[in-house]
């Protein structure tokens, strides 16, 4: 809170503030002056004051913006190759604009019949919104339906068939979207919904701060726009890796060191693993167990000619038969144990 004396001093222009790095002192009254007065002050060589919108602040840094720009420049190059084969006509996409702001400020400028596509970018949260200008949408529909491209269209509501054909185009582009993001993060994009209901899209996106990527599309002399909206919250988990250096160099893949691998194998070969051979099992009543004396014989459930099971680390692994090895009893491996053997024995 300012005292009345400080307010009077401010209005009279008597309060100056120091700038960083030893710069000249700036008068607060001059900074609060009218626009015409500010222009005259700028011509006098004083510091220029820039406005800042606290309602819609910039959430993406210049490096993050540049990284996203590189991703979508690569996307345009991929679409230049893949879309002509899908549409059977030449198409030239080009990154035209990048801007950040609130989603509701952008969506209100779109015509009523615009088709919006909501795309998930798993494992990132939220949805990306993709839409095309109506003149390009009508042109693509006419091309896919085998009509003659004339470039003259009357605005109309998109039918269910129209929307289905445009969804097919978007699903075709998702592979290029995935490849374009590969150098930054591994994504699995999928088309969740397509709608012409702007209120539904607004409800899904809310009042998100988004990054608008406008891609100019030229088909047979007709120029339109494909707009992509990516919310800040969607890119928030990868802000640490979202920079142009990582995109240019690519993600560092884990390189396997042969020497380390061989050392790990040699260490594993020295590991001691318990093995046991089960001769058989038996079930006795408690009273019979208490009556056991030296010389009693317990009958096992294993036949004399049945193979014995060898357990390795408490798991059944081999079949064997009992024999003699030197002065000790041994077993000879006769086969590999299979889990379905127990099922067949039970049958």
Protein backbone atom coordinates (compact mmCIF):
# COMPACT_ATOMS: atom_id res chain seq x y z
CA UNK A 1 0.00 0.00 0.00
CA UNK A 2 1.21 3.50 -0.86
CA UNK A 3 0.91 6.37 1.54
CA UNK A 4 -0.84 9.55 0.34
CA UNK A 5 2.49 11.36 0.15
CA UNK A 6 3.91 8.60 -2.10
CA UNK A 7 0.82 8.77 -4.35
CA UNK A 8 1.22 12.55 -4.68
CA UNK A 9 4.92 12.13 -5.47
CA UNK A 10 4.09 9.51 -8.13
CA UNK A 11 1.52 11.75 -9.82
CA UNK A 12 3.89 14.67 -9.81
CA UNK A 13 6.65 12.60 -11.41
CA UNK A 14 8.98 12.76 -8.43
CA UNK A 15 9.57 8.99 -8.09
CA UNK A 16 12.32 7.37 -10.11
CA UNK A 17 13.39 3.71 -10.14
CA UNK A 18 16.75 2.17 -10.89
CA UNK A 19 17.16 -0.29 -13.72
CA UNK A 20 19.26 -3.44 -13.67
CA UNK A 21 22.87 -3.47 -14.83
CA UNK A 22 23.36 0.15 -13.99
CA UNK A 23 20.96 1.52 -16.60
CA UNK A 24 19.43 4.98 -16.52
CA UNK A 25 16.73 5.75 -13.99
CA UNK A 26 13.13 5.55 -15.26
CA UNK A 27 10.40 7.89 -14.11
CA UNK A 28 7.19 6.08 -13.13
CA UNK A 29 4.98 8.99 -14.12
CA UNK A 30 6.38 8.86 -17.65
CA UNK A 31 5.68 5.12 -17.83
CA UNK A 32 2.03 5.75 -16.89
CA UNK A 33 1.55 8.61 -19.35
CA UNK A 34 -0.87 8.63 -22.29
CA UNK A 35 -0.01 6.83 -25.58
CA UNK A 36 0.80 10.09 -27.35
CA UNK A 37 3.11 11.10 -24.55
CA UNK A 38 4.80 7.65 -24.63
CA UNK A 39 5.52 8.02 -28.33
CA UNK A 40 7.20 11.35 -27.72
CA UNK A 41 9.23 9.79 -24.90
CA UNK A 42 10.34 6.94 -27.17
CA UNK A 43 11.52 9.41 -29.77
CA UNK A 44 13.57 11.03 -27.04
CA UNK A 45 15.48 7.75 -26.57
CA UNK A 46 13.90 6.55 -23.32
CA UNK A 47 13.06 2.90 -22.53
CA UNK A 48 10.09 1.43 -24.43
CA UNK A 49 7.35 -0.16 -22.30
CA UNK A 50 5.63 -3.26 -23.74
CA UNK A 51 2.12 -4.34 -22.77
CA UNK A 52 1.51 -7.79 -21.25
CA UNK A 53 -1.77 -9.68 -21.36
CA UNK A 54 -2.25 -11.29 -17.94
CA UNK A 55 -5.50 -12.94 -19.09
CA UNK A 56 -3.76 -14.95 -21.81
CA UNK A 57 -0.04 -15.06 -21.02
CA UNK A 58 2.50 -16.79 -23.25
CA UNK A 59 3.01 -20.32 -21.92
CA UNK A 60 5.35 -21.65 -24.63
CA UNK A 61 8.95 -20.47 -24.68
CA UNK A 62 10.75 -19.56 -27.90
CA UNK A 63 12.70 -22.84 -27.83
CA UNK A 64 9.53 -24.87 -27.34
CA UNK A 65 7.82 -22.97 -30.15
CA UNK A 66 10.80 -23.64 -32.42
CA UNK A 67 10.77 -27.36 -31.59
CA UNK A 68 7.06 -27.64 -32.41
CA UNK A 69 7.70 -25.65 -35.58
CA UNK A 70 10.39 -28.13 -36.68
CA UNK A 71 8.07 -31.06 -35.95
CA UNK A 72 5.31 -29.63 -38.15
CA UNK A 73 7.69 -28.57 -40.90
CA UNK A 74 8.67 -32.23 -41.04
CA UNK A 75 4.97 -33.16 -40.98
CA UNK A 76 4.35 -30.94 -44.03
CA UNK A 77 7.15 -32.66 -45.93
CA UNK A 78 5.69 -36.09 -45.10
CA UNK A 79 2.18 -35.01 -46.11
CA UNK A 80 3.55 -33.73 -49.43
CA UNK A 81 4.51 -37.33 -50.18
CA UNK A 82 1.64 -39.29 -48.61
CA UNK A 83 -1.45 -37.19 -49.40
CA UNK A 84 -1.13 -37.17 -53.23
CA UNK A 85 -1.26 -40.98 -53.24
CA UNK A 86 -4.38 -40.91 -51.08
CA UNK A 87 -6.21 -38.11 -52.91
CA UNK A 88 -4.82 -38.92 -56.40
CA UNK A 89 -3.94 -35.28 -56.99
CA UNK A 90 -1.08 -32.91 -56.23
CA UNK A 91 -1.18 -31.20 -52.85
CA UNK A 92 1.37 -28.84 -51.28
CA UNK A 93 1.07 -28.23 -47.51
CA UNK A 94 3.22 -25.47 -46.00
CA UNK A 95 3.59 -24.27 -42.42
CA UNK A 96 2.19 -20.73 -42.48
CA UNK A 97 1.63 -19.57 -38.89
CA UNK A 98 2.18 -20.44 -35.25
CA UNK A 99 0.39 -18.56 -32.49
CA UNK A 100 -0.54 -19.20 -28.89
CA UNK A 101 -3.67 -18.08 -27.10
CA UNK A 102 -6.92 -19.34 -25.62
CA UNK A 103 -8.93 -21.90 -27.55
CA UNK A 104 -12.26 -20.04 -27.34
CA UNK A 105 -10.65 -16.97 -28.94
CA UNK A 106 -9.68 -19.06 -31.98
CA UNK A 107 -12.80 -21.21 -32.38
CA UNK A 108 -15.21 -18.29 -32.64
CA UNK A 109 -13.67 -17.29 -35.98
CA UNK A 110 -14.55 -20.61 -37.67
CA UNK A 111 -17.68 -20.95 -39.86
CA UNK A 112 -20.72 -22.78 -38.53
CA UNK A 113 -20.29 -25.98 -40.61
CA UNK A 114 -16.61 -26.58 -39.82
CA UNK A 115 -15.74 -30.19 -39.01
CA UNK A 116 -13.51 -30.63 -35.94
CA UNK A 117 -11.45 -33.77 -35.30
CA UNK A 118 -10.41 -34.61 -31.71
CA UNK A 119 -7.18 -36.64 -31.69
CA UNK A 120 -5.58 -38.25 -28.65
CA UNK A 121 -1.77 -38.33 -28.44
CA UNK A 122 -1.18 -41.25 -26.08
CA UNK A 123 0.55 -41.34 -23.67
CA UNK A 124 0.20 -37.52 -23.45
CA UNK A 125 -2.96 -36.20 -21.74
CA UNK A 126 -5.77 -34.28 -23.38
CA UNK A 127 -6.69 -33.98 -27.06
CA UNK A 128 -5.34 -32.22 -30.12
CA UNK A 129 -7.91 -30.59 -32.40
CA UNK A 130 -7.51 -30.64 -36.18
CA UNK A 131 -9.76 -28.88 -38.67
CA UNK A 132 -9.68 -27.83 -42.33
CA UNK A 133 -11.16 -24.79 -44.00
CA UNK A 134 -14.43 -25.50 -45.80
CA UNK A 135 -13.16 -24.73 -49.31
CA UNK A 136 -10.44 -27.38 -48.95
CA UNK A 137 -12.87 -29.84 -47.35
CA UNK A 138 -15.35 -29.50 -50.26
CA UNK A 139 -12.50 -29.88 -52.75
CA UNK A 140 -11.22 -33.06 -51.08
CA UNK A 141 -14.74 -34.50 -50.99
CA UNK A 142 -15.28 -33.81 -54.68
CA UNK A 143 -11.94 -35.41 -55.51
CA UNK A 144 -12.64 -38.54 -53.43
CA UNK A 145 -16.11 -38.92 -54.95
CA UNK A 146 -14.69 -38.72 -58.47
CA UNK A 147 -16.06 -35.29 -59.39
CA UNK A 148 -14.40 -32.59 -61.44
CA UNK A 149 -12.42 -30.04 -59.44
CA UNK A 150 -13.64 -26.58 -60.40
CA UNK A 151 -12.85 -24.62 -57.24
CA UNK A 152 -16.37 -23.19 -56.93
CA UNK A 153 -18.38 -24.34 -53.91
CA UNK A 154 -21.49 -23.22 -52.09
CA UNK A 155 -21.38 -23.51 -48.31
CA UNK A 156 -23.51 -26.38 -47.04
CA UNK A 157 -23.78 -28.69 -44.04
CA UNK A 158 -21.51 -31.74 -44.22
CA UNK A 159 -23.48 -34.98 -44.46
CA UNK A 160 -22.62 -38.19 -42.58
CA UNK A 161 -20.96 -39.54 -45.73
CA UNK A 162 -18.93 -36.34 -46.07
CA UNK A 163 -17.78 -36.56 -42.47
CA UNK A 164 -16.85 -40.22 -42.86
CA UNK A 165 -14.71 -39.48 -45.94
CA UNK A 166 -12.92 -36.63 -44.16
CA UNK A 167 -12.33 -38.84 -41.12
CA UNK A 168 -10.67 -41.34 -43.42
CA UNK A 169 -8.29 -38.62 -44.61
CA UNK A 170 -7.42 -37.63 -41.03
CA UNK A 171 -6.79 -41.25 -40.04
CA UNK A 172 -4.47 -41.55 -43.04
CA UNK A 173 -2.47 -38.55 -41.77
CA UNK A 174 -2.03 -39.94 -38.24
CA UNK A 175 0.87 -42.13 -39.37
CA UNK A 176 2.71 -39.02 -40.57
CA UNK A 177 1.89 -37.24 -37.29
CA UNK A 178 3.44 -40.13 -35.35
CA UNK A 179 6.57 -40.14 -37.54
CA UNK A 180 7.01 -36.36 -37.29
CA UNK A 181 7.03 -36.51 -33.47
CA UNK A 182 9.35 -39.53 -33.28
CA UNK A 183 12.51 -37.47 -32.74
CA UNK A 184 10.97 -35.81 -29.66
CA UNK A 185 8.65 -38.39 -28.12
CA UNK A 186 7.02 -41.69 -29.04
CA UNK A 187 3.29 -41.12 -29.62
CA UNK A 188 0.33 -43.25 -30.65
CA UNK A 189 -2.17 -40.77 -32.13
CA UNK A 190 -5.74 -41.92 -32.69
CA UNK A 191 -8.90 -40.19 -33.90
CA UNK A 192 -11.35 -40.10 -30.98
CA UNK A 193 -14.24 -38.10 -32.44
CA UNK A 194 -15.30 -35.85 -35.35
CA UNK A 195 -18.09 -33.31 -35.01
CA UNK A 196 -19.47 -30.08 -36.47
CA UNK A 197 -20.87 -29.08 -33.07
CA UNK A 198 -18.65 -26.22 -31.94
CA UNK A 199 -20.27 -26.16 -28.50
CA UNK A 200 -19.27 -29.78 -27.93
CA UNK A 201 -15.68 -29.05 -28.98
CA UNK A 202 -15.62 -25.98 -26.72
CA UNK A 203 -16.89 -28.08 -23.82
CA UNK A 204 -14.23 -30.75 -24.44
CA UNK A 205 -11.36 -28.26 -24.68
CA UNK A 206 -12.63 -25.78 -22.10
CA UNK A 207 -10.72 -22.53 -21.76
CA UNK A 208 -7.36 -24.15 -22.54
CA UNK A 209 -4.30 -22.21 -23.56
CA UNK A 210 -3.35 -23.74 -26.88
CA UNK A 211 -0.73 -23.52 -29.58
CA UNK A 212 -2.21 -22.91 -33.03
CA UNK A 213 -0.32 -24.39 -35.99
CA UNK A 214 -1.78 -23.16 -39.29
CA UNK A 215 -0.74 -25.18 -42.35
CA UNK A 216 -1.51 -23.73 -45.76
CA UNK A 217 -2.82 -26.30 -48.25
CA UNK A 218 -2.85 -25.78 -52.02
CA UNK A 219 -4.86 -28.20 -54.19
CA UNK A 220 -5.37 -27.58 -57.90
CA UNK A 221 -4.92 -23.83 -57.45
CA UNK A 222 -7.29 -23.64 -54.46
CA UNK A 223 -5.66 -22.49 -51.21
CA UNK A 224 -7.03 -23.30 -47.78
CA UNK A 225 -5.87 -23.90 -44.24
CA UNK A 226 -5.49 -26.88 -41.96
CA UNK A 227 -5.45 -25.75 -38.32
CA UNK A 228 -4.01 -27.80 -35.47
CA UNK A 229 -4.60 -26.84 -31.82
CA UNK A 230 -2.35 -28.42 -29.18
CA UNK A 231 -3.15 -27.55 -25.51
CA UNK A 232 -0.31 -26.50 -23.24
CA UNK A 233 -1.30 -29.19 -20.72
CA UNK A 234 -0.82 -31.83 -23.43
CA UNK A 235 2.79 -30.79 -24.04
CA UNK A 236 3.55 -30.07 -20.37
CA UNK A 237 4.90 -33.61 -19.62
CA UNK A 238 7.54 -33.24 -22.37
CA UNK A 239 8.59 -29.60 -21.91
CA UNK A 240 12.03 -30.75 -20.74
CA UNK A 241 12.76 -32.46 -24.06
CA UNK A 242 10.83 -30.04 -26.24
CA UNK A 243 13.71 -28.06 -27.73
CA UNK A 244 15.14 -27.75 -31.24
CA UNK A 245 18.48 -29.34 -30.30
CA UNK A 246 16.85 -32.66 -29.41
CA UNK A 247 14.75 -32.59 -32.59
CA UNK A 248 17.78 -31.97 -34.80
CA UNK A 249 19.97 -34.54 -33.04
CA UNK A 250 17.12 -37.00 -32.46
CA UNK A 251 16.39 -38.93 -29.29
CA UNK A 252 19.39 -40.83 -27.99
CA UNK A 253 18.71 -44.51 -28.31
CA UNK A 254 20.32 -46.86 -25.85
CA UNK A 255 23.55 -48.20 -27.35
CA UNK A 256 24.44 -51.73 -26.33
CA UNK A 257 28.07 -52.20 -25.31
CA UNK A 258 29.28 -55.67 -26.43
CA UNK A 259 31.98 -55.78 -23.75
CA UNK A 260 29.48 -55.03 -20.97
CA UNK A 261 27.06 -57.61 -22.38
CA UNK A 262 29.78 -60.30 -22.44
CA UNK A 263 30.79 -59.45 -18.86
CA UNK A 264 27.16 -59.77 -17.75
CA UNK A 265 26.90 -63.18 -19.42
CA UNK A 266 30.10 -64.41 -17.73
CA UNK A 267 28.80 -63.25 -14.35
CA UNK A 268 25.50 -65.05 -14.91
CA UNK A 269 27.31 -68.26 -15.85
CA UNK A 270 28.88 -68.32 -12.38
CA UNK A 271 25.54 -68.04 -10.62
CA UNK A 272 24.53 -71.03 -8.47
CA UNK A 273 21.04 -72.39 -9.25
CA UNK A 274 19.37 -75.04 -7.04
CA UNK A 275 18.23 -78.27 -8.75
CA UNK A 276 16.25 -81.18 -7.35
CA UNK A 277 14.71 -84.42 -8.61
CA UNK A 278 11.40 -85.46 -7.09
CA UNK A 279 11.08 -89.23 -6.80
CA UNK A 280 7.35 -89.01 -6.09
CA UNK A 281 4.73 -87.98 -3.58
CA UNK A 282 2.45 -89.77 -1.13
CA UNK A 283 -0.49 -88.91 1.11
CA UNK A 284 -0.65 -90.34 4.64
CA UNK A 285 -3.15 -89.93 7.40
CA UNK A 286 -1.74 -88.31 10.52
CA UNK A 287 -2.22 -91.51 12.54
CA UNK A 288 -0.24 -93.50 9.93
CA UNK A 289 2.49 -90.88 9.96
CA UNK A 290 2.80 -91.15 13.75
CA UNK A 291 3.15 -94.96 13.53
CA UNK A 292 6.10 -94.90 11.10
CA UNK A 293 9.15 -96.88 12.29
CA UNK A 294 12.51 -97.87 10.87
CA UNK A 295 12.07 -100.29 7.95
CA UNK A 296 8.57 -99.17 6.94
CA UNK A 297 8.02 -98.64 3.21
CA UNK A 298 6.08 -95.65 1.87
CA UNK A 299 4.50 -96.24 -1.52
CA UNK A 300 4.94 -93.30 -3.92
CA UNK A 301 2.62 -92.28 -6.76
CA UNK A 302 5.43 -92.72 -9.34
CA UNK A 303 5.62 -95.93 -11.33
CA UNK A 304 8.97 -97.69 -11.52
CA UNK A 305 9.27 -97.04 -15.27
CA UNK A 306 7.95 -93.43 -15.16
CA UNK A 307 10.38 -90.56 -15.80
CA UNK A 308 11.29 -88.29 -12.88
CA UNK A 309 10.87 -84.53 -13.10
CA UNK A 310 13.92 -82.30 -12.62
CA UNK A 311 13.18 -78.96 -10.92
CA UNK A 312 15.44 -75.99 -11.72
CA UNK A 313 14.99 -72.99 -9.42
CA UNK A 314 11.73 -74.59 -8.20
CA UNK A 315 10.35 -74.86 -11.74
CA UNK A 316 9.79 -78.07 -13.70
CA UNK A 317 12.26 -78.11 -16.57
CA UNK A 318 13.33 -81.69 -17.60
CA UNK A 319 12.46 -85.38 -17.49
CA UNK A 320 15.07 -87.84 -16.21
CA UNK A 321 15.68 -91.44 -15.10
CA UNK A 322 17.60 -92.66 -12.10
CA UNK A 323 20.98 -94.31 -12.51
CA UNK A 324 24.43 -94.58 -11.00
CA UNK A 325 27.29 -92.16 -11.63
CA UNK A 326 30.53 -93.41 -10.05
CA UNK A 327 29.82 -94.06 -6.40
CA UNK A 328 26.75 -91.82 -6.33
CA UNK A 329 23.19 -91.97 -7.53
CA UNK A 330 22.55 -89.76 -10.56
CA UNK A 331 19.87 -88.95 -13.09
CA UNK A 332 20.07 -88.82 -16.86
CA UNK A 333 18.11 -86.14 -18.73
CA UNK A 334 15.69 -87.82 -21.12
CA UNK A 335 13.52 -84.93 -22.31
CA UNK A 336 12.22 -81.39 -21.86
CA UNK A 337 9.22 -80.82 -19.62
CA UNK A 338 6.11 -79.25 -21.17
CA UNK A 339 3.27 -77.75 -19.17
CA UNK A 340 0.60 -79.51 -21.23
CA UNK A 341 2.07 -82.88 -20.13
CA UNK A 342 0.41 -82.44 -16.71
CA UNK A 343 -2.94 -81.72 -18.39
CA UNK A 344 -2.72 -84.83 -20.53
CA UNK A 345 -1.74 -86.92 -17.48
CA UNK A 346 -4.76 -85.57 -15.60
CA UNK A 347 -7.08 -86.54 -18.43
